[in-house]
Amino acid sequence: MNRRIVGNLGEDAACAALRRAGLNVLARNVRRPTGEIDIVAREGKTIAFVEVKARSSLRYGRPAEAVGRAKQAKIVRTAAVWLAENGLEDAPVRFDVVEVLPGSVRHLRAAFDATGLF
């Protein structure tokens, strides 16, 4: 199975898990010149920017470990653009990661913060 198919299936599984956990998915695959955000969701008043990492095994470590500082910085910059576009600059935000492995979906709330990334 190619990476795009695995990624799309992973995002579908992540959205389903987020909805089951009570989050409202607002957008998917937000692309701006600053980067991409896989999922934007709302939980109460908090806007969650979610990076999805789907893997077929743990051979190379946990999927969340692939979200390094450079990727985090791109997500934070893109989140700022999305918030401004939607008039939500003052909304509380968090940055989550959803790991998708065969047979499991793991939602890591507040997996990283914007400190030192902006």
PDB file of N, CA and C in Angstrom:
ATOM      1  N   MET A   1       0.850  -1.167   0.000  1.00  0.00           N
ATOM      2  CA  MET A   1       0.000   0.000   0.000  1.00  0.00           C
ATOM      3  C   MET A   1       0.901   1.238   0.000  1.00  0.00           C
ATOM      4  N   ASN A   2       0.592   2.237  -0.861  1.00  0.00           N
ATOM      5  CA  ASN A   2       1.471   3.399  -0.917  1.00  0.00           C
ATOM      6  C   ASN A   2       1.231   4.359   0.252  1.00  0.00           C
ATOM      7  N   ARG A   3       2.164   5.272   0.440  1.00  0.00           N
ATOM      8  CA  ARG A   3       2.142   6.169   1.599  1.00  0.00           C
ATOM      9  C   ARG A   3       0.910   7.064   1.625  1.00  0.00           C
ATOM     10  N   ARG A   4       0.479   7.526   0.465  1.00  0.00           N
ATOM     11  CA  ARG A   4      -0.699   8.406   0.415  1.00  0.00           C
ATOM     12  C   ARG A   4      -1.939   7.669   0.903  1.00  0.00           C
ATOM     13  N   ILE A   5      -2.109   6.421   0.483  1.00  0.00           N
ATOM     14  CA  ILE A   5      -3.266   5.631   0.925  1.00  0.00           C
ATOM     15  C   ILE A   5      -3.189   5.394   2.429  1.00  0.00           C
ATOM     16  N   VAL A   6      -2.015   5.014   2.920  1.00  0.00           N
ATOM     17  CA  VAL A   6      -1.842   4.805   4.367  1.00  0.00           C
ATOM     18  C   VAL A   6      -2.156   6.097   5.110  1.00  0.00           C
ATOM     19  N   GLY A   7      -1.670   7.226   4.587  1.00  0.00           N
ATOM     20  CA  GLY A   7      -1.924   8.516   5.229  1.00  0.00           C
ATOM     21  C   GLY A   7      -3.400   8.861   5.261  1.00  0.00           C
ATOM     22  N   ASN A   8      -4.097   8.664   4.152  1.00  0.00           N
ATOM     23  CA  ASN A   8      -5.536   8.958   4.101  1.00  0.00           C
ATOM     24  C   ASN A   8      -6.324   8.058   5.043  1.00  0.00           C
ATOM     25  N   LEU A   9      -5.984   6.784   5.067  1.00  0.00           N
ATOM     26  CA  LEU A   9      -6.660   5.863   5.987  1.00  0.00           C
ATOM     27  C   LEU A   9      -6.376   6.252   7.434  1.00  0.00           C
ATOM     28  N   GLY A  10      -5.144   6.667   7.704  1.00  0.00           N
ATOM     29  CA  GLY A  10      -4.775   7.113   9.043  1.00  0.00           C
ATOM     30  C   GLY A  10      -5.557   8.339   9.460  1.00  0.00           C
ATOM     31  N   GLU A  11      -5.700   9.297   8.557  1.00  0.00           N
ATOM     32  CA  GLU A  11      -6.479  10.502   8.876  1.00  0.00           C
ATOM     33  C   GLU A  11      -7.946  10.175   9.095  1.00  0.00           C
ATOM     34  N   ASP A  12      -8.487   9.261   8.302  1.00  0.00           N
ATOM     35  CA  ASP A  12      -9.881   8.840   8.508  1.00  0.00           C
ATOM     36  C   ASP A  12     -10.049   8.218   9.891  1.00  0.00           C
ATOM     37  N   ALA A  13      -9.120   7.339  10.270  1.00  0.00           N
ATOM     38  CA  ALA A  13      -9.179   6.702  11.591  1.00  0.00           C
ATOM     39  C   ALA A  13      -9.008   7.736  12.697  1.00  0.00           C
ATOM     40  N   ALA A  14      -8.121   8.697  12.493  1.00  0.00           N
ATOM     41  CA  ALA A  14      -7.898   9.749  13.492  1.00  0.00           C
ATOM     42  C   ALA A  14      -9.154  10.596  13.666  1.00  0.00           C
ATOM     43  N   CYS A  15      -9.791  10.990  12.569  1.00  0.00           N
ATOM     44  CA  CYS A  15     -11.022  11.785  12.661  1.00  0.00           C
ATOM     45  C   CYS A  15     -12.111  11.028  13.415  1.00  0.00           C
ATOM     46  N   ALA A  16     -12.252   9.759  13.113  1.00  0.00           N
ATOM     47  CA  ALA A  16     -13.262   8.947  13.805  1.00  0.00           C
ATOM     48  C   ALA A  16     -12.968   8.892  15.300  1.00  0.00           C
ATOM     49  N   ALA A  17     -11.704   8.699  15.673  1.00  0.00           N
ATOM     50  CA  ALA A  17     -11.328   8.636  17.086  1.00  0.00           C
ATOM     51  C   ALA A  17     -11.549   9.979  17.765  1.00  0.00           C
ATOM     52  N   LEU A  18     -11.221  11.065  17.096  1.00  0.00           N
ATOM     53  CA  LEU A  18     -11.438  12.389  17.681  1.00  0.00           C
ATOM     54  C   LEU A  18     -12.927  12.643  17.902  1.00  0.00           C
ATOM     55  N   ARG A  19     -13.740  12.275  16.926  1.00  0.00           N
ATOM     56  CA  ARG A  19     -15.198  12.465  17.081  1.00  0.00           C
ATOM     57  C   ARG A  19     -15.744  11.620  18.234  1.00  0.00           C
ATOM     58  N   ARG A  20     -15.266  10.384  18.349  1.00  0.00           N
ATOM     59  CA  ARG A  20     -15.705   9.529  19.465  1.00  0.00           C
ATOM     60  C   ARG A  20     -15.317  10.145  20.806  1.00  0.00           C
ATOM     61  N   ALA A  21     -14.203  10.865  20.832  1.00  0.00           N
ATOM     62  CA  ALA A  21     -13.734  11.504  22.064  1.00  0.00           C
ATOM     63  C   ALA A  21     -14.426  12.847  22.319  1.00  0.00           C
ATOM     64  N   GLY A  22     -15.343  13.229  21.431  1.00  0.00           N
ATOM     65  CA  GLY A  22     -16.125  14.438  21.648  1.00  0.00           C
ATOM     66  C   GLY A  22     -15.616  15.691  20.950  1.00  0.00           C
ATOM     67  N   LEU A  23     -14.608  15.570  20.106  1.00  0.00           N
ATOM     68  CA  LEU A  23     -14.110  16.724  19.376  1.00  0.00           C
ATOM     69  C   LEU A  23     -14.907  16.909  18.094  1.00  0.00           C
ATOM     70  N   ASN A  24     -15.029  18.147  17.671  1.00  0.00           N
ATOM     71  CA  ASN A  24     -15.706  18.484  16.430  1.00  0.00           C
ATOM     72  C   ASN A  24     -14.633  18.785  15.388  1.00  0.00           C
ATOM     73  N   VAL A  25     -14.555  17.999  14.343  1.00  0.00           N
ATOM     74  CA  VAL A  25     -13.562  18.219  13.293  1.00  0.00           C
ATOM     75  C   VAL A  25     -14.023  19.391  12.430  1.00  0.00           C
ATOM     76  N   LEU A  26     -13.191  20.431  12.378  1.00  0.00           N
ATOM     77  CA  LEU A  26     -13.515  21.644  11.625  1.00  0.00           C
ATOM     78  C   LEU A  26     -12.938  21.632  10.214  1.00  0.00           C
ATOM     79  N   ALA A  27     -11.745  21.059  10.068  1.00  0.00           N
ATOM     80  CA  ALA A  27     -11.078  21.073   8.763  1.00  0.00           C
ATOM     81  C   ALA A  27     -10.062  19.948   8.691  1.00  0.00           C
ATOM     82  N   ARG A  28      -9.773  19.542   7.461  1.00  0.00           N
ATOM     83  CA  ARG A  28      -8.741  18.530   7.200  1.00  0.00           C
ATOM     84  C   ARG A  28      -7.821  19.044   6.115  1.00  0.00           C
ATOM     85  N   ASN A  29      -6.572  18.623   6.190  1.00  0.00           N
ATOM     86  CA  ASN A  29      -5.580  18.950   5.166  1.00  0.00           C
ATOM     87  C   ASN A  29      -5.533  20.451   4.862  1.00  0.00           C
ATOM     88  N   VAL A  30      -5.325  21.219   5.915  1.00  0.00           N
ATOM     89  CA  VAL A  30      -5.200  22.666   5.776  1.00  0.00           C
ATOM     90  C   VAL A  30      -3.809  22.953   5.220  1.00  0.00           C
ATOM     91  N   ARG A  31      -3.774  23.478   4.006  1.00  0.00           N
ATOM     92  CA  ARG A  31      -2.490  23.774   3.355  1.00  0.00           C
ATOM     93  C   ARG A  31      -2.356  25.273   3.153  1.00  0.00           C
ATOM     94  N   ARG A  32      -1.258  25.797   3.634  1.00  0.00           N
ATOM     95  CA  ARG A  32      -0.903  27.197   3.458  1.00  0.00           C
ATOM     96  C   ARG A  32       0.564  27.246   3.066  1.00  0.00           C
ATOM     97  N   PRO A  33       1.057  28.391   2.596  1.00  0.00           N
ATOM     98  CA  PRO A  33       2.476  28.477   2.250  1.00  0.00           C
ATOM     99  C   PRO A  33       3.408  28.141   3.427  1.00  0.00           C
ATOM    100  N   THR A  34       2.913  28.291   4.647  1.00  0.00           N
ATOM    101  CA  THR A  34       3.718  28.010   5.846  1.00  0.00           C
ATOM    102  C   THR A  34       3.806  26.530   6.173  1.00  0.00           C
ATOM    103  N   GLY A  35       2.916  25.698   5.621  1.00  0.00           N
ATOM    104  CA  GLY A  35       2.930  24.267   5.921  1.00  0.00           C
ATOM    105  C   GLY A  35       1.546  23.658   5.822  1.00  0.00           C
ATOM    106  N   GLU A  36       1.395  22.505   6.440  1.00  0.00           N
ATOM    107  CA  GLU A  36       0.124  21.770   6.396  1.00  0.00           C
ATOM    108  C   GLU A  36      -0.245  21.298   7.791  1.00  0.00           C
ATOM    109  N   ILE A  37      -1.547  21.315   8.053  1.00  0.00           N
ATOM    110  CA  ILE A  37      -2.089  20.745   9.284  1.00  0.00           C
ATOM    111  C   ILE A  37      -3.066  19.662   8.859  1.00  0.00           C
ATOM    112  N   ASP A  38      -2.909  18.473   9.423  1.00  0.00           N
ATOM    113  CA  ASP A  38      -3.755  17.351   9.018  1.00  0.00           C
ATOM    114  C   ASP A  38      -5.210  17.548   9.413  1.00  0.00           C
ATOM    115  N   ILE A  39      -5.434  17.922  10.682  1.00  0.00           N
ATOM    116  CA  ILE A  39      -6.802  18.070  11.186  1.00  0.00           C
ATOM    117  C   ILE A  39      -6.859  19.283  12.120  1.00  0.00           C
ATOM    118  N   VAL A  40      -7.923  20.074  11.970  1.00  0.00           N
ATOM    119  CA  VAL A  40      -8.233  21.133  12.931  1.00  0.00           C
ATOM    120  C   VAL A  40      -9.544  20.727  13.582  1.00  0.00           C
ATOM    121  N   ALA A  41      -9.540  20.686  14.912  1.00  0.00           N
ATOM    122  CA  ALA A  41     -10.736  20.258  15.638  1.00  0.00           C
ATOM    123  C   ALA A  41     -10.998  21.215  16.799  1.00  0.00           C
ATOM    124  N   ARG A  42     -12.212  21.159  17.304  1.00  0.00           N
ATOM    125  CA  ARG A  42     -12.581  21.984  18.451  1.00  0.00           C
ATOM    126  C   ARG A  42     -13.046  21.070  19.578  1.00  0.00           C
ATOM    127  N   GLU A  43     -12.567  21.375  20.767  1.00  0.00           N
ATOM    128  CA  GLU A  43     -13.035  20.692  21.972  1.00  0.00           C
ATOM    129  C   GLU A  43     -13.405  21.779  22.957  1.00  0.00           C
ATOM    130  N   GLY A  44     -14.711  21.999  23.122  1.00  0.00           N
ATOM    131  CA  GLY A  44     -15.153  23.136  23.915  1.00  0.00           C
ATOM    132  C   GLY A  44     -14.720  24.403  23.197  1.00  0.00           C
ATOM    133  N   LYS A  45     -14.008  25.276  23.911  1.00  0.00           N
ATOM    134  CA  LYS A  45     -13.512  26.514  23.308  1.00  0.00           C
ATOM    135  C   LYS A  45     -12.121  26.354  22.718  1.00  0.00           C
ATOM    136  N   THR A  46     -11.484  25.218  22.960  1.00  0.00           N
ATOM    137  CA  THR A  46     -10.106  24.995  22.536  1.00  0.00           C
ATOM    138  C   THR A  46     -10.044  24.484  21.104  1.00  0.00           C
ATOM    139  N   ILE A  47      -9.150  25.095  20.336  1.00  0.00           N
ATOM    140  CA  ILE A  47      -8.880  24.641  18.975  1.00  0.00           C
ATOM    141  C   ILE A  47      -7.674  23.715  19.040  1.00  0.00           C
ATOM    142  N   ALA A  48      -7.838  22.506  18.542  1.00  0.00           N
ATOM    143  CA  ALA A  48      -6.753  21.521  18.529  1.00  0.00           C
ATOM    144  C   ALA A  48      -6.251  21.362  17.101  1.00  0.00           C
ATOM    145  N   PHE A  49      -4.946  21.569  16.928  1.00  0.00           N
ATOM    146  CA  PHE A  49      -4.288  21.340  15.645  1.00  0.00           C
ATOM    147  C   PHE A  49      -3.624  19.979  15.757  1.00  0.00           C
ATOM    148  N   VAL A  50      -4.026  19.066  14.882  1.00  0.00           N
ATOM    149  CA  VAL A  50      -3.678  17.656  15.044  1.00  0.00           C
ATOM    150  C   VAL A  50      -2.805  17.166  13.889  1.00  0.00           C
ATOM    151  N   GLU A  51      -1.660  16.627  14.235  1.00  0.00           N
ATOM    152  CA  GLU A  51      -0.784  15.956  13.273  1.00  0.00           C
ATOM    153  C   GLU A  51      -1.055  14.460  13.372  1.00  0.00           C
ATOM    154  N   VAL A  52      -1.299  13.819  12.249  1.00  0.00           N
ATOM    155  CA  VAL A  52      -1.571  12.387  12.218  1.00  0.00           C
ATOM    156  C   VAL A  52      -0.340  11.677  11.683  1.00  0.00           C
ATOM    157  N   LYS A  53       0.095  10.654  12.422  1.00  0.00           N
ATOM    158  CA  LYS A  53       1.213   9.835  11.970  1.00  0.00           C
ATOM    159  C   LYS A  53       0.741   8.387  11.928  1.00  0.00           C
ATOM    160  N   ALA A  54       0.662   7.857  10.724  1.00  0.00           N
ATOM    161  CA  ALA A  54       0.228   6.468  10.535  1.00  0.00           C
ATOM    162  C   ALA A  54       1.441   5.633  10.139  1.00  0.00           C
ATOM    163  N   ARG A  55       1.572   4.495  10.769  1.00  0.00           N
ATOM    164  CA  ARG A  55       2.678   3.583  10.483  1.00  0.00           C
ATOM    165  C   ARG A  55       2.142   2.158  10.451  1.00  0.00           C
ATOM    166  N   SER A  56       2.846   1.318   9.739  1.00  0.00           N
ATOM    167  CA  SER A  56       2.430  -0.085   9.659  1.00  0.00           C
ATOM    168  C   SER A  56       3.049  -0.918  10.784  1.00  0.00           C
ATOM    169  N   SER A  57       4.052  -0.358  11.470  1.00  0.00           N
ATOM    170  CA  SER A  57       4.676  -1.081  12.581  1.00  0.00           C
ATOM    171  C   SER A  57       5.456  -0.089  13.449  1.00  0.00           C
ATOM    172  N   LEU A  58       6.023  -0.604  14.522  1.00  0.00           N
ATOM    173  CA  LEU A  58       6.875   0.202  15.404  1.00  0.00           C
ATOM    174  C   LEU A  58       8.356   0.029  15.060  1.00  0.00           C
ATOM    175  N   ARG A  59       8.613  -0.522  13.911  1.00  0.00           N
ATOM    176  CA  ARG A  59       9.991  -0.831  13.501  1.00  0.00           C
ATOM    177  C   ARG A  59      10.937   0.362  13.656  1.00  0.00           C
ATOM    178  N   TYR A  60      10.447   1.558  13.366  1.00  0.00           N
ATOM    179  CA  TYR A  60      11.290   2.748  13.432  1.00  0.00           C
ATOM    180  C   TYR A  60      10.897   3.650  14.608  1.00  0.00           C
ATOM    181  N   GLY A  61      10.262   3.098  15.607  1.00  0.00           N
ATOM    182  CA  GLY A  61       9.863   3.871  16.785  1.00  0.00           C
ATOM    183  C   GLY A  61       8.404   4.271  16.733  1.00  0.00           C
ATOM    184  N   ARG A  62       7.980   4.971  17.760  1.00  0.00           N
ATOM    185  CA  ARG A  62       6.601   5.439  17.844  1.00  0.00           C
ATOM    186  C   ARG A  62       6.355   6.480  16.763  1.00  0.00           C
ATOM    187  N   PRO A  63       5.194   6.476  16.162  1.00  0.00           N
ATOM    188  CA  PRO A  63       4.908   7.458  15.116  1.00  0.00           C
ATOM    189  C   PRO A  63       5.089   8.907  15.574  1.00  0.00           C
ATOM    190  N   ALA A  64       4.691   9.223  16.796  1.00  0.00           N
ATOM    191  CA  ALA A  64       4.793  10.603  17.288  1.00  0.00           C
ATOM    192  C   ALA A  64       6.233  11.095  17.333  1.00  0.00           C
ATOM    193  N   GLU A  65       7.176  10.179  17.432  1.00  0.00           N
ATOM    194  CA  GLU A  65       8.582  10.581  17.469  1.00  0.00           C
ATOM    195  C   GLU A  65       9.017  11.232  16.152  1.00  0.00           C
ATOM    196  N   ALA A  66       8.239  11.031  15.090  1.00  0.00           N
ATOM    197  CA  ALA A  66       8.565  11.614  13.790  1.00  0.00           C
ATOM    198  C   ALA A  66       8.134  13.077  13.682  1.00  0.00           C
ATOM    199  N   VAL A  67       7.488  13.597  14.711  1.00  0.00           N
ATOM    200  CA  VAL A  67       7.067  14.999  14.699  1.00  0.00           C
ATOM    201  C   VAL A  67       8.137  15.810  15.430  1.00  0.00           C
ATOM    202  N   GLY A  68       9.187  16.126  14.691  1.00  0.00           N
ATOM    203  CA  GLY A  68      10.325  16.846  15.260  1.00  0.00           C
ATOM    204  C   GLY A  68      10.072  18.346  15.362  1.00  0.00           C
ATOM    205  N   ARG A  69      11.080  19.058  15.841  1.00  0.00           N
ATOM    206  CA  ARG A  69      10.958  20.506  16.063  1.00  0.00           C
ATOM    207  C   ARG A  69      10.652  21.269  14.766  1.00  0.00           C
ATOM    208  N   ALA A  70      11.266  20.899  13.658  1.00  0.00           N
ATOM    209  CA  ALA A  70      11.000  21.601  12.402  1.00  0.00           C
ATOM    210  C   ALA A  70       9.536  21.430  11.983  1.00  0.00           C
ATOM    211  N   LYS A  71       9.004  20.210  12.087  1.00  0.00           N
ATOM    212  CA  LYS A  71       7.599  19.959  11.748  1.00  0.00           C
ATOM    213  C   LYS A  71       6.681  20.697  12.725  1.00  0.00           C
ATOM    214  N   GLN A  72       7.025  20.682  14.006  1.00  0.00           N
ATOM    215  CA  GLN A  72       6.240  21.414  14.999  1.00  0.00           C
ATOM    216  C   GLN A  72       6.178  22.894  14.654  1.00  0.00           C
ATOM    217  N   ALA A  73       7.311  23.474  14.279  1.00  0.00           N
ATOM    218  CA  ALA A  73       7.359  24.894  13.943  1.00  0.00           C
ATOM    219  C   ALA A  73       6.457  25.205  12.744  1.00  0.00           C
ATOM    220  N   LYS A  74       6.457  24.339  11.734  1.00  0.00           N
ATOM    221  CA  LYS A  74       5.588  24.537  10.568  1.00  0.00           C
ATOM    222  C   LYS A  74       4.116  24.478  10.980  1.00  0.00           C
ATOM    223  N   ILE A  75       3.783  23.536  11.845  1.00  0.00           N
ATOM    224  CA  ILE A  75       2.398  23.408  12.315  1.00  0.00           C
ATOM    225  C   ILE A  75       1.987  24.656  13.081  1.00  0.00           C
ATOM    226  N   VAL A  76       2.847  25.145  13.954  1.00  0.00           N
ATOM    227  CA  VAL A  76       2.538  26.337  14.753  1.00  0.00           C
ATOM    228  C   VAL A  76       2.341  27.552  13.845  1.00  0.00           C
ATOM    229  N   ARG A  77       3.221  27.746  12.871  1.00  0.00           N
ATOM    230  CA  ARG A  77       3.083  28.891  11.948  1.00  0.00           C
ATOM    231  C   ARG A  77       1.789  28.779  11.137  1.00  0.00           C
ATOM    232  N   THR A  78       1.485  27.581  10.681  1.00  0.00           N
ATOM    233  CA  THR A  78       0.275  27.380   9.892  1.00  0.00           C
ATOM    234  C   THR A  78      -0.969  27.559  10.757  1.00  0.00           C
ATOM    235  N   ALA A  79      -0.892  27.127  11.998  1.00  0.00           N
ATOM    236  CA  ALA A  79      -2.007  27.323  12.934  1.00  0.00           C
ATOM    237  C   ALA A  79      -2.282  28.815  13.123  1.00  0.00           C
ATOM    238  N   ALA A  80      -1.232  29.615  13.255  1.00  0.00           N
ATOM    239  CA  ALA A  80      -1.404  31.060  13.423  1.00  0.00           C
ATOM    240  C   ALA A  80      -2.114  31.672  12.221  1.00  0.00           C
ATOM    241  N   VAL A  81      -1.758  31.222  11.031  1.00  0.00           N
ATOM    242  CA  VAL A  81      -2.412  31.709   9.811  1.00  0.00           C
ATOM    243  C   VAL A  81      -3.887  31.313   9.827  1.00  0.00           C
ATOM    244  N   TRP A  82      -4.165  30.042  10.130  1.00  0.00           N
ATOM    245  CA  TRP A  82      -5.552  29.553  10.133  1.00  0.00           C
ATOM    246  C   TRP A  82      -6.385  30.307  11.174  1.00  0.00           C
ATOM    247  N   LEU A  83      -5.834  30.506  12.352  1.00  0.00           N
ATOM    248  CA  LEU A  83      -6.552  31.237  13.401  1.00  0.00           C
ATOM    249  C   LEU A  83      -6.889  32.651  12.941  1.00  0.00           C
ATOM    250  N   ALA A  84      -5.920  33.339  12.317  1.00  0.00           N
ATOM    251  CA  ALA A  84      -6.155  34.696  11.828  1.00  0.00           C
ATOM    252  C   ALA A  84      -7.228  34.711  10.736  1.00  0.00           C
ATOM    253  N   GLU A  85      -7.169  33.765   9.834  1.00  0.00           N
ATOM    254  CA  GLU A  85      -8.156  33.685   8.747  1.00  0.00           C
ATOM    255  C   GLU A  85      -9.572  33.485   9.281  1.00  0.00           C
ATOM    256  N   ASN A  86      -9.667  32.817  10.425  1.00  0.00           N
ATOM    257  CA  ASN A  86     -10.977  32.483  10.985  1.00  0.00           C
ATOM    258  C   ASN A  86     -11.371  33.351  12.174  1.00  0.00           C
ATOM    259  N   GLY A  87     -10.616  34.422  12.416  1.00  0.00           N
ATOM    260  CA  GLY A  87     -10.947  35.353  13.501  1.00  0.00           C
ATOM    261  C   GLY A  87     -10.870  34.727  14.880  1.00  0.00           C
ATOM    262  N   LEU A  88      -9.985  33.771  15.051  1.00  0.00           N
ATOM    263  CA  LEU A  88      -9.889  33.040  16.320  1.00  0.00           C
ATOM    264  C   LEU A  88      -8.538  33.234  17.014  1.00  0.00           C
ATOM    265  N   GLU A  89      -7.889  34.372  16.769  1.00  0.00           N
ATOM    266  CA  GLU A  89      -6.557  34.594  17.330  1.00  0.00           C
ATOM    267  C   GLU A  89      -6.514  34.493  18.848  1.00  0.00           C
ATOM    268  N   ASP A  90      -7.634  34.772  19.515  1.00  0.00           N
ATOM    269  CA  ASP A  90      -7.664  34.745  20.982  1.00  0.00           C
ATOM    270  C   ASP A  90      -8.153  33.415  21.550  1.00  0.00           C
ATOM    271  N   ALA A  91      -8.458  32.466  20.695  1.00  0.00           N
ATOM    272  CA  ALA A  91      -8.950  31.163  21.167  1.00  0.00           C
ATOM    273  C   ALA A  91      -7.820  30.381  21.831  1.00  0.00           C
ATOM    274  N   PRO A  92      -8.146  29.625  22.878  1.00  0.00           N
ATOM    275  CA  PRO A  92      -7.133  28.727  23.434  1.00  0.00           C
ATOM    276  C   PRO A  92      -6.812  27.642  22.408  1.00  0.00           C
ATOM    277  N   VAL A  93      -5.538  27.285  22.300  1.00  0.00           N
ATOM    278  CA  VAL A  93      -5.126  26.281  21.326  1.00  0.00           C
ATOM    279  C   VAL A  93      -4.260  25.216  21.984  1.00  0.00           C
ATOM    280  N   ARG A  94      -4.194  24.075  21.319  1.00  0.00           N
ATOM    281  CA  ARG A  94      -3.247  23.038  21.710  1.00  0.00           C
ATOM    282  C   ARG A  94      -2.844  22.283  20.454  1.00  0.00           C
ATOM    283  N   PHE A  95      -1.737  21.561  20.586  1.00  0.00           N
ATOM    284  CA  PHE A  95      -1.173  20.825  19.463  1.00  0.00           C
ATOM    285  C   PHE A  95      -1.109  19.352  19.833  1.00  0.00           C
ATOM    286  N   ASP A  96      -1.901  18.563  19.134  1.00  0.00           N
ATOM    287  CA  ASP A  96      -2.031  17.135  19.410  1.00  0.00           C
ATOM    288  C   ASP A  96      -1.361  16.313  18.317  1.00  0.00           C
ATOM    289  N   VAL A  97      -1.093  15.070  18.641  1.00  0.00           N
ATOM    290  CA  VAL A  97      -0.641  14.094  17.660  1.00  0.00           C
ATOM    291  C   VAL A  97      -1.524  12.862  17.820  1.00  0.00           C
ATOM    292  N   VAL A  98      -1.949  12.304  16.697  1.00  0.00           N
ATOM    293  CA  VAL A  98      -2.668  11.032  16.715  1.00  0.00           C
ATOM    294  C   VAL A  98      -1.785  10.005  16.018  1.00  0.00           C
ATOM    295  N   GLU A  99      -1.465   8.947  16.746  1.00  0.00           N
ATOM    296  CA  GLU A  99      -0.695   7.835  16.192  1.00  0.00           C
ATOM    297  C   GLU A  99      -1.661   6.761  15.728  1.00  0.00           C
ATOM    298  N   VAL A 100      -1.470   6.311  14.501  1.00  0.00           N
ATOM    299  CA  VAL A 100      -2.307   5.241  13.959  1.00  0.00           C
ATOM    300  C   VAL A 100      -1.398   4.083  13.585  1.00  0.00           C
ATOM    301  N   LEU A 101      -1.651   2.956  14.227  1.00  0.00           N
ATOM    302  CA  LEU A 101      -0.940   1.701  13.954  1.00  0.00           C
ATOM    303  C   LEU A 101      -1.990   0.637  13.664  1.00  0.00           C
ATOM    304  N   PRO A 102      -1.619  -0.455  13.024  1.00  0.00           N
ATOM    305  CA  PRO A 102      -2.611  -1.503  12.785  1.00  0.00           C
ATOM    306  C   PRO A 102      -3.307  -1.908  14.090  1.00  0.00           C
ATOM    307  N   GLY A 103      -4.615  -1.738  14.102  1.00  0.00           N
ATOM    308  CA  GLY A 103      -5.401  -2.141  15.260  1.00  0.00           C
ATOM    309  C   GLY A 103      -5.440  -1.143  16.402  1.00  0.00           C
ATOM    310  N   SER A 104      -4.802   0.026  16.271  1.00  0.00           N
ATOM    311  CA  SER A 104      -4.851   0.985  17.383  1.00  0.00           C
ATOM    312  C   SER A 104      -4.725   2.422  16.896  1.00  0.00           C
ATOM    313  N   VAL A 105      -5.393   3.295  17.648  1.00  0.00           N
ATOM    314  CA  VAL A 105      -5.306   4.734  17.436  1.00  0.00           C
ATOM    315  C   VAL A 105      -5.047   5.346  18.805  1.00  0.00           C
ATOM    316  N   ARG A 106      -4.008   6.156  18.906  1.00  0.00           N
ATOM    317  CA  ARG A 106      -3.615   6.760  20.184  1.00  0.00           C
ATOM    318  C   ARG A 106      -3.591   8.274  20.020  1.00  0.00           C
ATOM    319  N   HIS A 107      -4.422   8.974  20.816  1.00  0.00           N
ATOM    320  CA  HIS A 107      -4.531  10.428  20.760  1.00  0.00           C
ATOM    321  C   HIS A 107      -3.675  11.030  21.873  1.00  0.00           C
ATOM    322  N   LEU A 108      -2.645  11.768  21.485  1.00  0.00           N
ATOM    323  CA  LEU A 108      -1.754  12.433  22.440  1.00  0.00           C
ATOM    324  C   LEU A 108      -2.137  13.907  22.504  1.00  0.00           C
ATOM    325  N   ARG A 109      -2.890  14.248  23.541  1.00  0.00           N
ATOM    326  CA  ARG A 109      -3.316  15.645  23.722  1.00  0.00           C
ATOM    327  C   ARG A 109      -2.138  16.478  24.180  1.00  0.00           C
ATOM    328  N   ALA A 110      -2.072  17.683  23.659  1.00  0.00           N
ATOM    329  CA  ALA A 110      -0.997  18.619  24.013  1.00  0.00           C
ATOM    330  C   ALA A 110       0.368  17.939  23.880  1.00  0.00           C
ATOM    331  N   ALA A 111       0.594  17.318  22.739  1.00  0.00           N
ATOM    332  CA  ALA A 111       1.834  16.581  22.491  1.00  0.00           C
ATOM    333  C   ALA A 111       3.045  17.497  22.457  1.00  0.00           C
ATOM    334  N   PHE A 112       2.816  18.755  22.060  1.00  0.00           N
ATOM    335  CA  PHE A 112       3.879  19.755  22.088  1.00  0.00           C
ATOM    336  C   PHE A 112       3.240  21.128  22.227  1.00  0.00           C
ATOM    337  N   ASP A 113       4.046  22.141  22.577  1.00  0.00           N
ATOM    338  CA  ASP A 113       3.513  23.487  22.664  1.00  0.00           C
ATOM    339  C   ASP A 113       4.322  24.410  21.760  1.00  0.00           C
ATOM    340  N   ALA A 114       3.877  25.648  21.662  1.00  0.00           N
ATOM    341  CA  ALA A 114       4.493  26.592  20.739  1.00  0.00           C
ATOM    342  C   ALA A 114       5.688  27.316  21.325  1.00  0.00           C
ATOM    343  N   THR A 115       6.027  27.035  22.553  1.00  0.00           N
ATOM    344  CA  THR A 115       7.138  27.713  23.207  1.00  0.00           C
ATOM    345  C   THR A 115       8.424  27.544  22.398  1.00  0.00           C
ATOM    346  N   GLY A 116       9.005  28.666  22.035  1.00  0.00           N
ATOM    347  CA  GLY A 116      10.273  28.644  21.303  1.00  0.00           C
ATOM    348  C   GLY A 116      10.171  28.273  19.846  1.00  0.00           C
ATOM    349  N   LEU A 117       8.953  28.077  19.328  1.00  0.00           N
ATOM    350  CA  LEU A 117       8.788  27.660  17.938  1.00  0.00           C
ATOM    351  C   LEU A 117       8.364  28.804  17.028  1.00  0.00           C
ATOM    352  N   PHE A 118       7.904  29.876  17.605  1.00  0.00           N
ATOM    353  CA  PHE A 118       7.353  30.969  16.797  1.00  0.00           C
ATOM    354  C   PHE A 118       8.379  32.036  16.581  1.00  0.00           C
TER     355      PHE A 118
END
